[in-house]
Amino acid sequence: MPNDFAHLPGRPAPEDLVVEVPAFEDDRPQPEPAPPAAAPELVAATEFARSSHAAPTIRRTQIRAGAWIAGVPIAVLAVVAVVQILLPR
């Protein structure tokens, strides 16, 4: 069958484009619900206390990555500057 570029291929059947994805159960640990009718200050203090002992969050990871990204070039520049000062030409 030669390539015939004068005509477009037929439309695919919608049944051929359906993909079934099996559902999965979310087994991540869920935080405890806030007590009903609690004072907002108490809820905020409780959440702050919980988060202080939690695993590092994305924000902490971003700060750490930013420190590395900024710190390494600054350290390299400082070493190059010291070497240029100490080694005469």
N, C-alpha and C. Protein backbone atom coordinates (compact mmCIF):
# COMPACT_ATOMS: atom_id res chain seq x y z
N MET A 1 0.84 -1.18 0.00
CA MET A 1 0.00 0.00 0.00
C MET A 1 0.89 1.24 0.00
N PRO A 2 0.84 2.01 -1.05
CA PRO A 2 1.69 3.21 -1.10
C PRO A 2 1.16 4.29 -0.16
N ASN A 3 2.06 5.21 0.22
CA ASN A 3 1.65 6.33 1.07
C ASN A 3 0.80 7.27 0.24
N ASP A 4 -0.42 7.50 0.73
CA ASP A 4 -1.33 8.41 0.02
C ASP A 4 -1.56 9.61 0.92
N PHE A 5 -0.91 10.72 0.59
CA PHE A 5 -1.01 11.91 1.42
C PHE A 5 -2.13 12.84 0.97
N ALA A 6 -2.91 12.41 0.00
CA ALA A 6 -4.01 13.24 -0.47
C ALA A 6 -5.22 13.14 0.45
N HIS A 7 -5.31 12.08 1.23
CA HIS A 7 -6.46 11.87 2.11
C HIS A 7 -5.99 11.67 3.55
N LEU A 8 -6.76 12.24 4.47
CA LEU A 8 -6.47 12.05 5.88
C LEU A 8 -6.98 10.69 6.35
N PRO A 9 -6.34 10.13 7.36
CA PRO A 9 -6.85 8.85 7.87
C PRO A 9 -8.20 9.06 8.56
N GLY A 10 -8.96 7.99 8.69
CA GLY A 10 -10.27 8.06 9.34
C GLY A 10 -10.14 8.38 10.83
N ARG A 11 -11.25 8.83 11.40
CA ARG A 11 -11.25 9.17 12.83
C ARG A 11 -11.22 7.89 13.66
N PRO A 12 -10.47 7.90 14.77
CA PRO A 12 -10.48 6.71 15.63
C PRO A 12 -11.80 6.63 16.40
N ALA A 13 -12.17 5.44 16.75
CA ALA A 13 -13.40 5.24 17.53
C ALA A 13 -13.16 5.71 18.96
N PRO A 14 -14.14 6.39 19.58
CA PRO A 14 -13.95 6.85 20.97
C PRO A 14 -13.65 5.71 21.94
N GLU A 15 -14.17 4.52 21.66
CA GLU A 15 -13.91 3.38 22.54
C GLU A 15 -12.43 3.01 22.56
N ASP A 16 -11.74 3.29 21.46
CA ASP A 16 -10.31 2.96 21.39
C ASP A 16 -9.46 3.93 22.21
N LEU A 17 -10.00 5.10 22.53
CA LEU A 17 -9.23 6.11 23.25
C LEU A 17 -9.45 6.09 24.76
N VAL A 18 -10.33 5.25 25.25
CA VAL A 18 -10.64 5.20 26.69
C VAL A 18 -9.60 4.33 27.39
N VAL A 19 -9.06 4.88 28.47
CA VAL A 19 -8.10 4.14 29.27
C VAL A 19 -8.67 4.02 30.67
N GLU A 20 -8.76 2.81 31.15
CA GLU A 20 -9.28 2.59 32.50
C GLU A 20 -8.12 2.54 33.48
N VAL A 21 -8.21 3.36 34.51
CA VAL A 21 -7.18 3.41 35.54
C VAL A 21 -7.79 2.90 36.84
N PRO A 22 -7.19 1.89 37.44
CA PRO A 22 -7.78 1.38 38.68
C PRO A 22 -7.61 2.39 39.81
N ALA A 23 -8.60 2.48 40.65
CA ALA A 23 -8.55 3.37 41.80
C ALA A 23 -7.64 2.77 42.87
N PHE A 24 -7.04 3.63 43.68
CA PHE A 24 -6.21 3.14 44.77
C PHE A 24 -6.63 3.84 46.05
N GLU A 25 -6.36 3.19 47.14
CA GLU A 25 -6.74 3.73 48.44
C GLU A 25 -5.63 4.64 48.96
N ASP A 26 -6.02 5.79 49.45
CA ASP A 26 -5.05 6.74 50.01
C ASP A 26 -4.71 6.29 51.42
N ASP A 27 -3.50 5.76 51.60
CA ASP A 27 -3.12 5.24 52.91
C ASP A 27 -2.16 6.17 53.65
N ARG A 28 -2.06 7.41 53.20
CA ARG A 28 -1.21 8.35 53.92
C ARG A 28 -1.82 8.68 55.27
N PRO A 29 -1.00 8.95 56.27
CA PRO A 29 -1.57 9.29 57.58
C PRO A 29 -2.30 10.63 57.51
N GLN A 30 -3.47 10.67 58.09
CA GLN A 30 -4.28 11.87 58.08
C GLN A 30 -4.08 12.62 59.39
N PRO A 31 -4.02 13.94 59.35
CA PRO A 31 -3.88 14.70 60.60
C PRO A 31 -5.16 14.59 61.44
N GLU A 32 -4.97 14.76 62.73
CA GLU A 32 -6.13 14.71 63.61
C GLU A 32 -7.04 15.90 63.32
N PRO A 33 -8.34 15.68 63.34
CA PRO A 33 -9.23 16.81 63.09
C PRO A 33 -9.19 17.80 64.25
N ALA A 34 -9.42 19.07 63.92
CA ALA A 34 -9.44 20.09 64.96
C ALA A 34 -10.66 19.89 65.85
N PRO A 35 -10.52 20.14 67.14
CA PRO A 35 -11.68 19.96 68.02
C PRO A 35 -12.77 20.97 67.65
N PRO A 36 -14.03 20.56 67.75
CA PRO A 36 -15.10 21.48 67.38
C PRO A 36 -15.21 22.62 68.39
N ALA A 37 -15.53 23.79 67.89
CA ALA A 37 -15.76 24.99 68.70
C ALA A 37 -14.54 25.35 69.54
N ALA A 38 -13.33 25.09 69.01
CA ALA A 38 -12.12 25.46 69.74
C ALA A 38 -11.76 26.91 69.43
N ALA A 39 -11.07 27.53 70.36
CA ALA A 39 -10.63 28.91 70.15
C ALA A 39 -9.60 28.92 69.02
N PRO A 40 -9.66 29.89 68.12
CA PRO A 40 -8.71 29.93 67.00
C PRO A 40 -7.26 29.99 67.47
N GLU A 41 -7.01 30.67 68.59
CA GLU A 41 -5.64 30.75 69.09
C GLU A 41 -5.15 29.37 69.53
N LEU A 42 -6.04 28.57 70.12
CA LEU A 42 -5.66 27.23 70.56
C LEU A 42 -5.38 26.33 69.36
N VAL A 43 -6.20 26.44 68.33
CA VAL A 43 -5.99 25.63 67.13
C VAL A 43 -4.67 26.02 66.47
N ALA A 44 -4.38 27.32 66.36
CA ALA A 44 -3.13 27.77 65.74
C ALA A 44 -1.92 27.31 66.55
N ALA A 45 -2.02 27.41 67.88
CA ALA A 45 -0.89 26.98 68.72
C ALA A 45 -0.67 25.48 68.61
N THR A 46 -1.76 24.72 68.54
CA THR A 46 -1.63 23.27 68.41
C THR A 46 -0.99 22.89 67.08
N GLU A 47 -1.41 23.52 66.00
CA GLU A 47 -0.83 23.23 64.69
C GLU A 47 0.64 23.63 64.63
N PHE A 48 0.99 24.75 65.26
CA PHE A 48 2.39 25.18 65.29
C PHE A 48 3.24 24.18 66.06
N ALA A 49 2.71 23.71 67.18
CA ALA A 49 3.46 22.73 67.97
C ALA A 49 3.62 21.42 67.22
N ARG A 50 2.60 21.00 66.50
CA ARG A 50 2.69 19.77 65.71
C ARG A 50 3.72 19.90 64.59
N SER A 51 3.72 21.04 63.93
CA SER A 51 4.62 21.21 62.79
C SER A 51 6.07 21.38 63.21
N SER A 52 6.32 21.78 64.44
CA SER A 52 7.70 21.98 64.87
C SER A 52 8.44 20.65 65.02
N HIS A 53 7.71 19.55 65.24
CA HIS A 53 8.34 18.24 65.40
C HIS A 53 8.13 17.35 64.18
N ALA A 54 7.55 17.90 63.14
CA ALA A 54 7.25 17.11 61.95
C ALA A 54 8.49 16.99 61.07
N ALA A 55 8.37 16.12 60.11
CA ALA A 55 9.46 15.95 59.13
C ALA A 55 9.61 17.24 58.33
N PRO A 56 10.78 17.48 57.75
CA PRO A 56 10.98 18.72 56.98
C PRO A 56 9.93 18.89 55.89
N THR A 57 9.47 20.09 55.74
CA THR A 57 8.46 20.36 54.73
C THR A 57 9.12 20.81 53.44
N ILE A 58 8.32 21.06 52.44
CA ILE A 58 8.86 21.52 51.15
C ILE A 58 9.56 22.86 51.34
N ARG A 59 9.00 23.73 52.19
CA ARG A 59 9.59 25.05 52.39
C ARG A 59 11.01 24.91 52.96
N ARG A 60 11.18 24.03 53.94
CA ARG A 60 12.52 23.84 54.52
C ARG A 60 13.47 23.26 53.48
N THR A 61 12.98 22.37 52.65
CA THR A 61 13.81 21.80 51.59
C THR A 61 14.21 22.88 50.59
N GLN A 62 13.29 23.77 50.26
CA GLN A 62 13.62 24.84 49.33
C GLN A 62 14.66 25.78 49.91
N ILE A 63 14.56 26.07 51.20
CA ILE A 63 15.55 26.94 51.84
C ILE A 63 16.92 26.28 51.81
N ARG A 64 16.96 24.98 52.10
CA ARG A 64 18.23 24.25 52.08
C ARG A 64 18.83 24.24 50.68
N ALA A 65 17.99 24.00 49.68
CA ALA A 65 18.48 23.98 48.29
C ALA A 65 18.96 25.37 47.88
N GLY A 66 18.23 26.41 48.28
CA GLY A 66 18.64 27.77 47.96
C GLY A 66 19.97 28.13 48.59
N ALA A 67 20.17 27.67 49.82
CA ALA A 67 21.45 27.94 50.49
C ALA A 67 22.60 27.27 49.74
N TRP A 68 22.39 26.05 49.28
CA TRP A 68 23.43 25.37 48.51
C TRP A 68 23.68 26.07 47.18
N ILE A 69 22.60 26.44 46.50
CA ILE A 69 22.75 27.07 45.19
C ILE A 69 23.45 28.42 45.30
N ALA A 70 23.16 29.17 46.35
CA ALA A 70 23.81 30.46 46.53
C ALA A 70 25.17 30.32 47.20
N GLY A 71 25.29 29.38 48.11
CA GLY A 71 26.51 29.26 48.91
C GLY A 71 27.70 28.72 48.15
N VAL A 72 27.47 27.75 47.30
CA VAL A 72 28.60 27.13 46.58
C VAL A 72 29.29 28.14 45.65
N PRO A 73 28.57 28.88 44.81
CA PRO A 73 29.29 29.87 43.98
C PRO A 73 29.99 30.95 44.80
N ILE A 74 29.37 31.38 45.89
CA ILE A 74 30.01 32.40 46.73
C ILE A 74 31.29 31.85 47.34
N ALA A 75 31.26 30.59 47.81
CA ALA A 75 32.45 29.98 48.38
C ALA A 75 33.55 29.83 47.32
N VAL A 76 33.17 29.45 46.12
CA VAL A 76 34.16 29.30 45.03
C VAL A 76 34.78 30.66 44.71
N LEU A 77 33.97 31.69 44.65
CA LEU A 77 34.51 33.03 44.38
C LEU A 77 35.44 33.49 45.50
N ALA A 78 35.09 33.16 46.73
CA ALA A 78 35.96 33.54 47.85
C ALA A 78 37.30 32.82 47.77
N VAL A 79 37.29 31.55 47.42
CA VAL A 79 38.55 30.80 47.30
C VAL A 79 39.38 31.36 46.16
N VAL A 80 38.76 31.66 45.04
CA VAL A 80 39.50 32.23 43.90
C VAL A 80 40.10 33.58 44.28
N ALA A 81 39.35 34.40 45.01
CA ALA A 81 39.86 35.71 45.42
C ALA A 81 41.05 35.55 46.35
N VAL A 82 40.98 34.63 47.31
CA VAL A 82 42.09 34.42 48.23
C VAL A 82 43.32 33.92 47.48
N VAL A 83 43.12 33.01 46.54
CA VAL A 83 44.25 32.49 45.76
C VAL A 83 44.88 33.61 44.93
N GLN A 84 44.08 34.47 44.34
CA GLN A 84 44.65 35.57 43.54
C GLN A 84 45.38 36.57 44.41
N ILE A 85 44.94 36.77 45.64
CA ILE A 85 45.63 37.70 46.52
C ILE A 85 46.96 37.13 47.02
N LEU A 86 46.93 35.84 47.36
CA LEU A 86 48.12 35.21 47.96
C LEU A 86 49.19 34.83 46.94
N LEU A 87 48.79 34.54 45.71
CA LEU A 87 49.76 34.13 44.70
C LEU A 87 50.10 35.34 43.81
N PRO A 88 51.32 35.86 43.94
CA PRO A 88 51.69 36.98 43.07
C PRO A 88 51.95 36.48 41.65
N ARG A 89 51.83 37.38 40.73
CA ARG A 89 52.04 37.00 39.33
C ARG A 89 53.48 37.11 38.98
